[in-house]
Amino acid sequence: MSFHLTAENLRLEEGHILIAQLHNADGELVDSSIDLNTIIGNVDGRLEWGGQNFSESAHEVQFGIESENEVPILRVLLKNADEQWAAADVNLSERIVNENGTFVFV
């Protein structure tokens, strides 16, 4: 299930740490966090799953739940190979889930 549908107090801290209280199988809230720098990288100005340390070359990092479909989006400006800033975004629910109150990268 999409993590954001079972989360409370969902936020991004330090530009790369996703933090929330997630409901576990018993319905209890569990504090959870995941460092997005360990699962997302910058490849020529694009956010790429499985990479690392995107925030080291990022500017204007923003996180929010967007659109009527309530999609958790990470938006950034990233340096590309030409040292130019490029707009990039990723839907975090594509690869992050809530497994019994814990963020898990799949």
C-alpha atoms as a PDB file:
ATOM      1  CA  MET A   1       0.000   0.000   0.000  1.00  0.00           C
ATOM      2  CA  SER A   2       1.170   3.524  -0.687  1.00  0.00           C
ATOM      3  CA  PHE A   3       2.945   4.738   2.433  1.00  0.00           C
ATOM      4  CA  HIS A   4       1.392   8.188   2.409  1.00  0.00           C
ATOM      5  CA  LEU A   5      -2.125   6.764   2.784  1.00  0.00           C
ATOM      6  CA  THR A   6      -1.148   5.227   6.142  1.00  0.00           C
ATOM      7  CA  ALA A   7       0.995   8.110   7.402  1.00  0.00           C
ATOM      8  CA  GLU A   8       0.578  10.993   9.798  1.00  0.00           C
ATOM      9  CA  ASN A   9       2.900  13.966  10.323  1.00  0.00           C
ATOM     10  CA  LEU A  10       4.597  13.209   6.993  1.00  0.00           C
ATOM     11  CA  ARG A  11       7.479  15.575   6.254  1.00  0.00           C
ATOM     12  CA  LEU A  12      10.954  15.955   4.753  1.00  0.00           C
ATOM     13  CA  GLU A  13      13.806  17.065   7.004  1.00  0.00           C
ATOM     14  CA  GLU A  14      17.325  18.181   6.091  1.00  0.00           C
ATOM     15  CA  GLY A  15      16.312  17.967   2.422  1.00  0.00           C
ATOM     16  CA  HIS A  16      16.593  14.178   2.254  1.00  0.00           C
ATOM     17  CA  ILE A  17      15.097  12.417   5.295  1.00  0.00           C
ATOM     18  CA  LEU A  18      11.467  11.363   4.956  1.00  0.00           C
ATOM     19  CA  ILE A  19       9.831  11.128   8.383  1.00  0.00           C
ATOM     20  CA  ALA A  20       6.346  10.096   9.488  1.00  0.00           C
ATOM     21  CA  GLN A  21       4.300   8.120  11.900  1.00  0.00           C
ATOM     22  CA  LEU A  22       3.084   5.052  10.014  1.00  0.00           C
ATOM     23  CA  HIS A  23       0.253   2.751  10.963  1.00  0.00           C
ATOM     24  CA  ASN A  24       1.332  -0.833  11.584  1.00  0.00           C
ATOM     25  CA  ALA A  25      -0.801  -3.978  11.175  1.00  0.00           C
ATOM     26  CA  ASP A  26      -2.405  -3.383  14.590  1.00  0.00           C
ATOM     27  CA  GLY A  27      -3.367   0.188  13.649  1.00  0.00           C
ATOM     28  CA  GLU A  28      -0.802   1.696  16.009  1.00  0.00           C
ATOM     29  CA  LEU A  29       1.343   4.648  14.937  1.00  0.00           C
ATOM     30  CA  VAL A  30       5.052   3.911  14.674  1.00  0.00           C
ATOM     31  CA  ASP A  31       7.783   6.540  14.192  1.00  0.00           C
ATOM     32  CA  SER A  32       9.616   5.817  10.954  1.00  0.00           C
ATOM     33  CA  SER A  33      12.165   7.499   8.711  1.00  0.00           C
ATOM     34  CA  ILE A  34      14.085   6.766   5.545  1.00  0.00           C
ATOM     35  CA  ASP A  35      17.122   8.617   4.212  1.00  0.00           C
ATOM     36  CA  LEU A  36      16.335   9.274   0.552  1.00  0.00           C
ATOM     37  CA  ASN A  37      20.065   9.797  -0.095  1.00  0.00           C
ATOM     38  CA  THR A  38      20.500   6.027   0.318  1.00  0.00           C
ATOM     39  CA  ILE A  39      18.015   5.190  -2.467  1.00  0.00           C
ATOM     40  CA  ILE A  40      17.896   8.138  -4.896  1.00  0.00           C
ATOM     41  CA  GLY A  41      20.735   9.582  -6.959  1.00  0.00           C
ATOM     42  CA  ASN A  42      21.334  12.301  -9.534  1.00  0.00           C
ATOM     43  CA  VAL A  43      22.063  11.087 -13.062  1.00  0.00           C
ATOM     44  CA  ASP A  44      22.705  14.064 -15.331  1.00  0.00           C
ATOM     45  CA  GLY A  45      20.025  16.196 -13.691  1.00  0.00           C
ATOM     46  CA  ARG A  46      17.472  13.409 -13.226  1.00  0.00           C
ATOM     47  CA  LEU A  47      16.408  11.682 -10.011  1.00  0.00           C
ATOM     48  CA  GLU A  48      17.155   7.972 -10.296  1.00  0.00           C
ATOM     49  CA  TRP A  49      16.011   5.142  -8.044  1.00  0.00           C
ATOM     50  CA  GLY A  50      18.834   2.953  -6.763  1.00  0.00           C
ATOM     51  CA  GLY A  51      21.343   5.791  -6.807  1.00  0.00           C
ATOM     52  CA  GLN A  52      22.746   7.708  -3.873  1.00  0.00           C
ATOM     53  CA  ASN A  53      23.251  11.208  -2.508  1.00  0.00           C
ATOM     54  CA  PHE A  54      20.930  13.198  -4.767  1.00  0.00           C
ATOM     55  CA  SER A  55      20.821  16.006  -2.195  1.00  0.00           C
ATOM     56  CA  GLU A  56      24.552  16.727  -2.553  1.00  0.00           C
ATOM     57  CA  SER A  57      23.853  18.259  -5.970  1.00  0.00           C
ATOM     58  CA  ALA A  58      20.317  19.511  -5.267  1.00  0.00           C
ATOM     59  CA  HIS A  59      18.828  22.947  -4.759  1.00  0.00           C
ATOM     60  CA  GLU A  60      15.280  23.996  -3.844  1.00  0.00           C
ATOM     61  CA  VAL A  61      14.279  20.583  -2.483  1.00  0.00           C
ATOM     62  CA  GLN A  62      10.517  20.372  -1.920  1.00  0.00           C
ATOM     63  CA  PHE A  63       8.196  17.600  -0.808  1.00  0.00           C
ATOM     64  CA  GLY A  64       4.427  17.561  -0.893  1.00  0.00           C
ATOM     65  CA  ILE A  65       1.279  15.585  -1.491  1.00  0.00           C
ATOM     66  CA  GLU A  66       0.046  16.773  -4.878  1.00  0.00           C
ATOM     67  CA  SER A  67      -3.006  16.597  -7.128  1.00  0.00           C
ATOM     68  CA  GLU A  68      -6.430  15.192  -6.492  1.00  0.00           C
ATOM     69  CA  ASN A  69      -4.838  11.704  -6.453  1.00  0.00           C
ATOM     70  CA  GLU A  70      -2.717  12.689  -3.437  1.00  0.00           C
ATOM     71  CA  VAL A  71       0.668  11.710  -4.866  1.00  0.00           C
ATOM     72  CA  PRO A  72       3.808  12.137  -2.672  1.00  0.00           C
ATOM     73  CA  ILE A  73       6.203  14.097  -4.903  1.00  0.00           C
ATOM     74  CA  LEU A  74       9.829  15.071  -4.338  1.00  0.00           C
ATOM     75  CA  ARG A  75      10.781  18.099  -6.483  1.00  0.00           C
ATOM     76  CA  VAL A  76      14.315  19.463  -6.823  1.00  0.00           C
ATOM     77  CA  LEU A  77      16.696  21.363  -9.024  1.00  0.00           C
ATOM     78  CA  LEU A  78      19.715  19.167  -9.831  1.00  0.00           C
ATOM     79  CA  LYS A  79      23.036  19.926 -11.458  1.00  0.00           C
ATOM     80  CA  ASN A  80      23.423  18.129 -14.769  1.00  0.00           C
ATOM     81  CA  ALA A  81      26.620  17.177 -16.625  1.00  0.00           C
ATOM     82  CA  ASP A  82      26.866  20.723 -18.046  1.00  0.00           C
ATOM     83  CA  GLU A  83      26.716  22.182 -14.511  1.00  0.00           C
ATOM     84  CA  GLN A  84      23.274  23.646 -15.283  1.00  0.00           C
ATOM     85  CA  TRP A  85      20.276  23.395 -12.956  1.00  0.00           C
ATOM     86  CA  ALA A  86      17.594  21.016 -14.185  1.00  0.00           C
ATOM     87  CA  ALA A  87      14.124  20.544 -12.671  1.00  0.00           C
ATOM     88  CA  ALA A  88      13.449  16.974 -11.575  1.00  0.00           C
ATOM     89  CA  ASP A  89      10.752  15.163  -9.654  1.00  0.00           C
ATOM     90  CA  VAL A  90       9.834  11.668  -8.541  1.00  0.00           C
ATOM     91  CA  ASN A  91       6.711  10.022  -7.154  1.00  0.00           C
ATOM     92  CA  LEU A  92       7.993   8.513  -3.903  1.00  0.00           C
ATOM     93  CA  SER A  93       5.176   5.971  -3.730  1.00  0.00           C
ATOM     94  CA  GLU A  94       6.608   4.255  -6.826  1.00  0.00           C
ATOM     95  CA  ARG A  95       9.245   2.516  -4.707  1.00  0.00           C
ATOM     96  CA  ILE A  96       8.612   3.315  -1.025  1.00  0.00           C
ATOM     97  CA  VAL A  97       5.994   1.384   0.943  1.00  0.00           C
ATOM     98  CA  ASN A  98       4.821   0.998   4.524  1.00  0.00           C
ATOM     99  CA  GLU A  99       5.607  -2.478   5.834  1.00  0.00           C
ATOM    100  CA  ASN A 100       4.059  -2.808   9.272  1.00  0.00           C
ATOM    101  CA  GLY A 101       4.959   0.730  10.333  1.00  0.00           C
ATOM    102  CA  THR A 102       8.340   0.954   8.620  1.00  0.00           C
ATOM    103  CA  PHE A 103       9.377   2.722   5.411  1.00  0.00           C
ATOM    104  CA  VAL A 104      10.764   0.148   2.984  1.00  0.00           C
ATOM    105  CA  PHE A 105      12.380   0.717  -0.425  1.00  0.00           C
ATOM    106  CA  VAL A 106      11.191  -1.885  -2.941  1.00  0.00           C
END
